[in-house]
């Protein structure tokens, strides 16, 4: 499990990690990214997982929608336990 500090982290990880690690790698990303044409489908096919945030009027909160996120959390735990 890796947290990133810049946009380059994903590229560096992909370039430096062994192929067997890359094949099992998954990321958590904002759920709206899955709605983008083409790339949203690619993200889903690669097994990446959405993070569902609570929508707030002023967009000042990064609160996660716990009900929607529960299923994703189980999927991630299952993936990590393999």
N, C-alpha and C. Protein backbone atom coordinates (compact mmCIF):
# COMPACT_ATOMS: atom_id res chain seq x y z
N UNK A 1 0.85 -1.16 0.00
CA UNK A 1 0.00 0.00 0.00
C UNK A 1 0.89 1.23 0.00
N UNK A 2 0.72 2.09 -0.99
CA UNK A 2 1.60 3.24 -1.15
C UNK A 2 0.75 4.51 -1.29
N UNK A 3 1.14 5.55 -0.58
CA UNK A 3 0.53 6.86 -0.77
C UNK A 3 1.48 7.66 -1.66
N UNK A 4 0.95 8.55 -2.47
CA UNK A 4 1.82 9.30 -3.37
C UNK A 4 1.99 10.73 -2.91
N UNK A 5 3.10 11.32 -3.33
CA UNK A 5 3.39 12.71 -2.96
C UNK A 5 3.44 13.63 -4.17
N UNK A 6 3.39 13.06 -5.37
CA UNK A 6 3.39 13.88 -6.59
C UNK A 6 2.76 13.07 -7.73
N UNK A 7 2.55 13.73 -8.85
CA UNK A 7 1.99 13.04 -10.01
C UNK A 7 3.01 12.07 -10.63
N UNK A 8 4.28 12.26 -10.35
CA UNK A 8 5.32 11.40 -10.92
C UNK A 8 5.40 10.05 -10.23
N UNK A 9 4.86 9.92 -9.04
CA UNK A 9 5.00 8.68 -8.26
C UNK A 9 4.49 7.45 -9.00
N UNK A 10 3.35 7.56 -9.63
CA UNK A 10 2.80 6.42 -10.36
C UNK A 10 3.70 5.98 -11.50
N UNK A 11 4.25 6.95 -12.20
CA UNK A 11 5.16 6.64 -13.31
C UNK A 11 6.46 6.02 -12.79
N UNK A 12 6.99 6.57 -11.70
CA UNK A 12 8.22 6.01 -11.12
C UNK A 12 7.99 4.59 -10.62
N UNK A 13 6.87 4.39 -9.95
CA UNK A 13 6.55 3.05 -9.46
C UNK A 13 6.47 2.07 -10.61
N UNK A 14 5.79 2.46 -11.68
CA UNK A 14 5.63 1.58 -12.85
C UNK A 14 6.97 1.28 -13.51
N UNK A 15 7.86 2.24 -13.52
CA UNK A 15 9.16 2.05 -14.17
C UNK A 15 10.12 1.22 -13.33
N UNK A 16 10.01 1.31 -12.01
CA UNK A 16 10.99 0.68 -11.13
C UNK A 16 10.56 -0.64 -10.50
N UNK A 17 9.28 -0.86 -10.40
CA UNK A 17 8.79 -2.08 -9.74
C UNK A 17 8.90 -3.29 -10.66
N UNK A 18 9.12 -4.48 -10.09
CA UNK A 18 9.15 -5.69 -10.92
C UNK A 18 7.78 -5.94 -11.57
N UNK A 19 7.77 -6.60 -12.72
CA UNK A 19 6.54 -6.85 -13.48
C UNK A 19 5.50 -7.60 -12.64
N UNK A 20 5.92 -8.55 -11.80
CA UNK A 20 4.96 -9.31 -10.99
C UNK A 20 4.24 -8.39 -9.99
N UNK A 21 4.90 -7.34 -9.55
CA UNK A 21 4.28 -6.38 -8.64
C UNK A 21 3.31 -5.49 -9.42
N UNK A 22 3.72 -5.05 -10.58
CA UNK A 22 2.87 -4.19 -11.42
C UNK A 22 1.57 -4.90 -11.77
N UNK A 23 1.65 -6.18 -12.07
CA UNK A 23 0.46 -6.94 -12.47
C UNK A 23 -0.58 -7.01 -11.35
N UNK A 24 -0.15 -6.95 -10.11
CA UNK A 24 -1.09 -7.02 -8.98
C UNK A 24 -1.44 -5.64 -8.40
N UNK A 25 -0.80 -4.60 -8.88
CA UNK A 25 -1.01 -3.26 -8.32
C UNK A 25 -2.41 -2.74 -8.62
N UNK A 26 -3.01 -2.13 -7.63
CA UNK A 26 -4.31 -1.48 -7.77
C UNK A 26 -4.21 -0.12 -7.08
N UNK A 27 -5.02 0.82 -7.51
CA UNK A 27 -5.06 2.12 -6.85
C UNK A 27 -6.47 2.44 -6.42
N UNK A 28 -6.56 3.32 -5.46
CA UNK A 28 -7.83 3.92 -5.07
C UNK A 28 -7.85 5.31 -5.69
N UNK A 29 -8.93 5.66 -6.35
CA UNK A 29 -9.02 6.98 -6.97
C UNK A 29 -10.45 7.52 -6.86
N UNK A 30 -10.54 8.83 -6.93
CA UNK A 30 -11.83 9.51 -6.85
C UNK A 30 -12.82 8.87 -7.82
N UNK A 31 -14.01 8.58 -7.34
CA UNK A 31 -15.00 7.84 -8.14
C UNK A 31 -15.35 8.53 -9.46
N UNK A 32 -15.30 9.84 -9.51
CA UNK A 32 -15.67 10.55 -10.75
C UNK A 32 -14.69 10.25 -11.89
N UNK A 33 -13.47 9.81 -11.59
CA UNK A 33 -12.52 9.45 -12.65
C UNK A 33 -13.04 8.27 -13.46
N UNK A 34 -13.87 7.43 -12.87
CA UNK A 34 -14.42 6.28 -13.57
C UNK A 34 -15.50 6.68 -14.57
N UNK A 35 -15.94 7.93 -14.52
CA UNK A 35 -16.96 8.42 -15.46
C UNK A 35 -16.37 9.06 -16.70
N UNK A 36 -15.05 9.16 -16.77
CA UNK A 36 -14.43 9.79 -17.94
C UNK A 36 -14.44 8.81 -19.11
N UNK A 37 -14.66 9.34 -20.31
CA UNK A 37 -14.68 8.46 -21.49
C UNK A 37 -13.33 7.74 -21.65
N UNK A 38 -13.37 6.55 -22.06
CA UNK A 38 -12.23 5.67 -22.34
C UNK A 38 -11.43 5.35 -21.08
N UNK A 39 -10.81 6.34 -20.46
CA UNK A 39 -9.95 6.06 -19.31
C UNK A 39 -10.73 5.50 -18.13
N UNK A 40 -11.96 5.90 -17.93
CA UNK A 40 -12.77 5.34 -16.85
C UNK A 40 -12.94 3.85 -17.01
N UNK A 41 -13.17 3.42 -18.23
CA UNK A 41 -13.30 1.99 -18.52
C UNK A 41 -11.96 1.27 -18.34
N UNK A 42 -10.88 1.90 -18.75
CA UNK A 42 -9.54 1.32 -18.58
C UNK A 42 -9.24 1.14 -17.09
N UNK A 43 -9.53 2.16 -16.28
CA UNK A 43 -9.29 2.06 -14.83
C UNK A 43 -10.04 0.86 -14.25
N UNK A 44 -11.30 0.71 -14.63
CA UNK A 44 -12.12 -0.40 -14.12
C UNK A 44 -11.57 -1.75 -14.58
N UNK A 45 -11.19 -1.85 -15.84
CA UNK A 45 -10.66 -3.11 -16.36
C UNK A 45 -9.34 -3.51 -15.71
N UNK A 46 -8.55 -2.53 -15.31
CA UNK A 46 -7.28 -2.81 -14.64
C UNK A 46 -7.47 -3.14 -13.15
N UNK A 47 -8.69 -2.99 -12.66
CA UNK A 47 -8.97 -3.36 -11.28
C UNK A 47 -8.82 -2.25 -10.27
N UNK A 48 -8.65 -1.03 -10.73
CA UNK A 48 -8.54 0.08 -9.79
C UNK A 48 -9.90 0.29 -9.12
N UNK A 49 -9.89 0.93 -7.96
CA UNK A 49 -11.11 1.00 -7.14
C UNK A 49 -11.47 2.44 -6.80
N UNK A 50 -12.77 2.75 -6.80
CA UNK A 50 -13.21 4.12 -6.54
C UNK A 50 -13.24 4.48 -5.05
N UNK A 51 -13.06 5.76 -4.78
CA UNK A 51 -13.28 6.32 -3.45
C UNK A 51 -14.47 7.27 -3.60
N UNK A 52 -15.51 7.01 -2.83
CA UNK A 52 -16.73 7.81 -2.89
C UNK A 52 -16.70 8.87 -1.80
N UNK A 53 -16.66 10.14 -2.21
CA UNK A 53 -16.66 11.24 -1.25
C UNK A 53 -18.08 11.77 -1.07
N UNK A 54 -18.35 12.32 0.12
CA UNK A 54 -19.62 12.96 0.40
C UNK A 54 -19.62 14.30 -0.31
N UNK A 55 -20.68 14.58 -1.03
CA UNK A 55 -20.76 15.85 -1.74
C UNK A 55 -21.22 16.94 -0.76
N UNK A 56 -20.42 17.98 -0.67
CA UNK A 56 -20.76 19.11 0.18
C UNK A 56 -20.85 20.36 -0.69
N UNK A 57 -21.71 21.27 -0.32
CA UNK A 57 -21.96 22.46 -1.13
C UNK A 57 -20.69 23.29 -1.35
N UNK A 58 -19.85 23.40 -0.33
CA UNK A 58 -18.67 24.25 -0.47
C UNK A 58 -17.39 23.48 -0.84
N UNK A 59 -17.51 22.16 -1.05
CA UNK A 59 -16.37 21.31 -1.42
C UNK A 59 -15.19 21.44 -0.47
N UNK A 60 -15.45 21.76 0.79
CA UNK A 60 -14.35 21.93 1.75
C UNK A 60 -14.03 20.65 2.50
N UNK A 61 -14.80 19.61 2.30
CA UNK A 61 -14.62 18.38 3.06
C UNK A 61 -14.15 17.24 2.17
N UNK A 62 -13.30 16.40 2.75
CA UNK A 62 -12.88 15.19 2.07
C UNK A 62 -13.46 13.98 2.78
N UNK A 63 -14.67 14.11 3.28
CA UNK A 63 -15.32 13.02 3.98
C UNK A 63 -15.73 11.93 3.00
N UNK A 64 -15.49 10.69 3.40
CA UNK A 64 -15.83 9.55 2.57
C UNK A 64 -17.24 9.09 2.88
N UNK A 65 -17.98 8.73 1.83
CA UNK A 65 -19.32 8.18 2.00
C UNK A 65 -19.16 6.74 2.49
N UNK A 66 -19.29 6.53 3.77
CA UNK A 66 -19.00 5.23 4.39
C UNK A 66 -19.87 4.10 3.85
N UNK A 67 -21.12 4.38 3.55
CA UNK A 67 -22.00 3.34 3.03
C UNK A 67 -21.54 2.84 1.66
N UNK A 68 -21.27 3.78 0.76
CA UNK A 68 -20.81 3.38 -0.57
C UNK A 68 -19.41 2.77 -0.53
N UNK A 69 -18.58 3.26 0.37
CA UNK A 69 -17.19 2.82 0.41
C UNK A 69 -17.02 1.44 1.05
N UNK A 70 -18.01 0.97 1.80
CA UNK A 70 -17.89 -0.32 2.51
C UNK A 70 -17.59 -1.47 1.55
N UNK A 71 -18.27 -1.54 0.42
CA UNK A 71 -18.04 -2.62 -0.54
C UNK A 71 -16.63 -2.54 -1.13
N UNK A 72 -16.19 -1.33 -1.45
CA UNK A 72 -14.85 -1.14 -2.01
C UNK A 72 -13.79 -1.56 -1.00
N UNK A 73 -14.02 -1.23 0.26
CA UNK A 73 -13.08 -1.60 1.32
C UNK A 73 -12.95 -3.12 1.40
N UNK A 74 -14.04 -3.83 1.29
CA UNK A 74 -14.00 -5.29 1.31
C UNK A 74 -13.24 -5.84 0.10
N UNK A 75 -13.47 -5.24 -1.07
CA UNK A 75 -12.74 -5.67 -2.27
C UNK A 75 -11.24 -5.46 -2.10
N UNK A 76 -10.85 -4.31 -1.52
CA UNK A 76 -9.45 -4.03 -1.32
C UNK A 76 -8.84 -5.00 -0.31
N UNK A 77 -9.54 -5.26 0.77
CA UNK A 77 -9.04 -6.23 1.76
C UNK A 77 -8.88 -7.61 1.15
N UNK A 78 -9.80 -8.01 0.32
CA UNK A 78 -9.71 -9.31 -0.35
C UNK A 78 -8.49 -9.35 -1.26
N UNK A 79 -8.27 -8.30 -2.00
CA UNK A 79 -7.12 -8.23 -2.90
C UNK A 79 -5.80 -8.28 -2.12
N UNK A 80 -5.74 -7.57 -1.01
CA UNK A 80 -4.51 -7.53 -0.21
C UNK A 80 -4.23 -8.84 0.49
N UNK A 81 -5.26 -9.62 0.75
CA UNK A 81 -5.06 -10.88 1.48
C UNK A 81 -4.57 -12.02 0.58
N UNK A 82 -4.56 -11.81 -0.72
CA UNK A 82 -4.15 -12.87 -1.67
C UNK A 82 -2.65 -12.97 -1.75
